[in-house]
């Protein structure tokens, strides 16, 4: 039984599965956003005031370019920062007991986990951006355009909950050693 749990641990820390998930999810998101943006009006409500009424607008093509650049750019940047920079700049790495976990005996395994975990965070960001796009779709199908607060709140709450889960997993993987 011990061998099985060790294999599971290695698979969980392998970045290949996380990378495939990030790429597939990003491709889906890009296709979904491109396909559904055509259902938006020529002038897209993209910002909303405290009373949930639209007070900021973009052209449909401008919105599409912004959304795709933000979706791909932020998820790639965060995945890269969390997954790659600790190997290049270990003194910038913020994990509990950094010197212990990045010591030569544990360094490779720790960096593999951080790489995979960074890609998982990229997946969370892509899903949150998909949710924000859905909110914009719903808002622009109301007359006049208005922020669907319950949907917007649910997406933000879900992202916050997933982010807490991501942080807990990080701290459970790198416990403080005495």
Protein backbone atom coordinates (compact mmCIF):
# COMPACT_ATOMS: atom_id res chain seq x y z
CA UNK A 1 0.00 0.00 0.00
CA UNK A 2 2.88 2.35 0.73
CA UNK A 3 4.14 2.13 -2.85
CA UNK A 4 0.73 3.22 -4.14
CA UNK A 5 0.64 6.32 -1.95
CA UNK A 6 4.17 7.24 -3.01
CA UNK A 7 3.18 6.93 -6.68
CA UNK A 8 0.11 9.10 -6.03
CA UNK A 9 2.28 11.71 -4.35
CA UNK A 10 4.66 11.84 -7.30
CA UNK A 11 1.77 12.13 -9.76
CA UNK A 12 0.20 14.96 -7.78
CA UNK A 13 3.46 16.89 -7.85
CA UNK A 14 4.12 16.22 -11.52
CA UNK A 15 3.65 19.42 -13.51
CA UNK A 16 2.76 17.67 -16.78
CA UNK A 17 -0.85 17.00 -15.76
CA UNK A 18 -1.25 20.53 -14.43
CA UNK A 19 0.22 21.95 -17.64
CA UNK A 20 -2.14 19.89 -19.81
CA UNK A 21 -5.08 21.04 -17.65
CA UNK A 22 -4.01 24.69 -17.94
CA UNK A 23 -3.58 24.48 -21.72
CA UNK A 24 -6.89 22.67 -22.28
CA UNK A 25 -8.79 25.01 -19.99
CA UNK A 26 -7.21 28.07 -21.64
CA UNK A 27 -8.04 26.81 -25.14
CA UNK A 28 -11.64 26.15 -24.06
CA UNK A 29 -11.85 29.62 -22.48
CA UNK A 30 -10.47 31.35 -25.59
CA UNK A 31 -12.88 29.51 -27.89
CA UNK A 32 -15.83 30.18 -25.55
CA UNK A 33 -15.02 33.89 -25.25
CA UNK A 34 -14.51 34.32 -29.00
CA UNK A 35 -17.74 32.44 -29.76
CA UNK A 36 -19.93 34.22 -27.20
CA UNK A 37 -18.57 37.74 -27.70
CA UNK A 38 -20.48 37.96 -30.97
CA UNK A 39 -23.68 37.96 -28.90
CA UNK A 40 -22.65 41.18 -27.18
CA UNK A 41 -23.78 44.58 -28.46
CA UNK A 42 -21.40 46.80 -30.46
CA UNK A 43 -20.84 48.88 -27.31
CA UNK A 44 -20.25 46.53 -24.36
CA UNK A 45 -20.96 47.61 -20.78
CA UNK A 46 -17.82 46.58 -18.88
CA UNK A 47 -17.85 48.66 -15.70
CA UNK A 48 -20.64 49.14 -13.21
CA UNK A 49 -21.34 51.72 -10.52
CA UNK A 50 -22.35 51.06 -6.92
CA UNK A 51 -26.01 50.92 -8.00
CA UNK A 52 -25.06 48.09 -10.46
CA UNK A 53 -25.79 50.26 -13.51
CA UNK A 54 -23.28 50.39 -16.36
CA UNK A 55 -20.94 53.39 -16.32
CA UNK A 56 -18.07 52.16 -18.49
CA UNK A 57 -18.14 50.88 -22.07
CA UNK A 58 -15.85 49.29 -24.65
CA UNK A 59 -16.25 48.33 -28.27
CA UNK A 60 -17.01 44.65 -28.81
CA UNK A 61 -13.65 44.06 -30.51
CA UNK A 62 -11.83 46.05 -27.83
CA UNK A 63 -13.51 43.97 -25.14
CA UNK A 64 -12.60 40.73 -26.93
CA UNK A 65 -8.94 41.71 -27.23
CA UNK A 66 -8.80 42.94 -23.65
CA UNK A 67 -10.45 39.80 -22.28
CA UNK A 68 -8.22 37.42 -24.24
CA UNK A 69 -5.05 39.35 -23.38
CA UNK A 70 -6.00 39.52 -19.71
CA UNK A 71 -7.05 35.86 -19.54
CA UNK A 72 -3.92 34.52 -21.24
CA UNK A 73 -1.51 37.13 -19.87
CA UNK A 74 -2.44 36.99 -16.19
CA UNK A 75 -2.78 33.20 -16.00
CA UNK A 76 0.54 32.71 -17.82
CA UNK A 77 2.32 35.34 -15.73
CA UNK A 78 1.11 33.92 -12.42
CA UNK A 79 1.85 30.34 -13.48
CA UNK A 80 5.33 31.38 -14.58
CA UNK A 81 6.01 33.40 -11.43
CA UNK A 82 4.94 30.66 -9.02
CA UNK A 83 6.29 27.77 -11.06
CA UNK A 84 9.57 29.04 -12.46
CA UNK A 85 10.95 31.91 -10.41
CA UNK A 86 11.59 29.84 -7.23
CA UNK A 87 14.14 27.79 -9.18
CA UNK A 88 15.90 30.89 -10.46
CA UNK A 89 15.54 33.08 -7.36
CA UNK A 90 15.16 30.82 -4.30
CA UNK A 91 15.70 33.76 -1.93
CA UNK A 92 12.45 35.28 -3.28
CA UNK A 93 10.51 32.08 -2.63
CA UNK A 94 7.97 32.45 0.15
CA UNK A 95 7.31 29.01 1.61
CA UNK A 96 7.54 28.10 5.28
CA UNK A 97 11.10 27.15 6.24
CA UNK A 98 12.40 27.95 2.76
CA UNK A 99 15.98 26.93 3.54
CA UNK A 100 14.88 23.46 4.58
CA UNK A 101 12.60 22.84 1.59
CA UNK A 102 15.00 24.27 -0.98
CA UNK A 103 18.05 22.46 0.40
CA UNK A 104 19.74 20.29 -2.25
CA UNK A 105 18.18 17.06 -0.92
CA UNK A 106 14.59 18.38 -1.30
CA UNK A 107 15.03 21.12 -3.88
CA UNK A 108 14.00 19.24 -7.06
CA UNK A 109 10.86 17.76 -5.53
CA UNK A 110 9.87 21.11 -3.99
CA UNK A 111 10.40 22.96 -7.27
CA UNK A 112 8.35 20.34 -9.16
CA UNK A 113 5.50 20.84 -6.72
CA UNK A 114 5.69 24.64 -6.99
CA UNK A 115 5.68 24.37 -10.78
CA UNK A 116 2.55 22.20 -10.78
CA UNK A 117 0.91 24.33 -8.09
CA UNK A 118 1.57 27.48 -10.10
CA UNK A 119 -0.21 25.93 -13.07
CA UNK A 120 -3.14 25.01 -10.83
CA UNK A 121 -3.36 28.66 -9.79
CA UNK A 122 -3.32 29.58 -13.48
CA UNK A 123 -6.33 27.27 -13.95
CA UNK A 124 -8.18 29.02 -11.12
CA UNK A 125 -7.51 32.39 -12.75
CA UNK A 126 -8.77 31.15 -16.14
CA UNK A 127 -11.97 29.88 -14.51
CA UNK A 128 -12.48 33.17 -12.69
CA UNK A 129 -12.00 35.09 -15.95
CA UNK A 130 -14.53 32.79 -17.65
CA UNK A 131 -16.94 33.65 -14.84
CA UNK A 132 -16.34 37.37 -15.30
CA UNK A 133 -17.01 37.02 -19.02
CA UNK A 134 -20.27 35.24 -18.20
CA UNK A 135 -21.22 38.13 -15.90
CA UNK A 136 -20.56 40.60 -18.73
CA UNK A 137 -22.69 38.49 -21.09
CA UNK A 138 -25.58 38.46 -18.61
CA UNK A 139 -25.23 42.16 -17.78
CA UNK A 140 -25.35 43.17 -21.43
CA UNK A 141 -28.50 41.18 -22.09
CA UNK A 142 -30.44 43.28 -19.58
CA UNK A 143 -32.03 46.58 -20.55
CA UNK A 144 -30.45 48.79 -19.43
CA UNK A 145 -27.24 46.83 -18.79
CA UNK A 146 -26.86 46.04 -15.09
CA UNK A 147 -24.49 43.91 -13.07
CA UNK A 148 -26.08 40.59 -12.03
CA UNK A 149 -24.95 40.88 -8.41
CA UNK A 150 -25.81 37.34 -7.30
CA UNK A 151 -23.87 35.78 -10.19
CA UNK A 152 -20.95 38.17 -9.74
CA UNK A 153 -20.84 37.50 -5.99
CA UNK A 154 -21.03 33.73 -6.45
CA UNK A 155 -18.10 33.79 -8.87
CA UNK A 156 -15.99 35.96 -6.57
CA UNK A 157 -16.88 33.81 -3.55
CA UNK A 158 -16.03 30.64 -5.48
CA UNK A 159 -12.69 32.07 -6.58
CA UNK A 160 -11.88 33.21 -3.03
CA UNK A 161 -12.76 29.77 -1.67
CA UNK A 162 -10.62 28.06 -4.33
CA UNK A 163 -7.74 30.45 -3.59
CA UNK A 164 -7.94 29.61 0.12
CA UNK A 165 -7.86 25.91 -0.82
CA UNK A 166 -4.80 26.59 -3.03
CA UNK A 167 -3.00 28.36 -0.16
CA UNK A 168 -3.88 25.62 2.34
CA UNK A 169 -2.50 23.00 -0.06
CA UNK A 170 0.70 25.02 -0.39
CA UNK A 171 1.17 25.28 3.37
CA UNK A 172 0.30 21.61 3.92
CA UNK A 173 2.92 20.62 1.36
CA UNK A 174 5.59 22.79 3.00
CA UNK A 175 5.06 22.42 6.75
CA UNK A 176 7.50 23.99 9.17
CA UNK A 177 10.15 21.53 10.27
CA UNK A 178 11.89 21.89 13.62
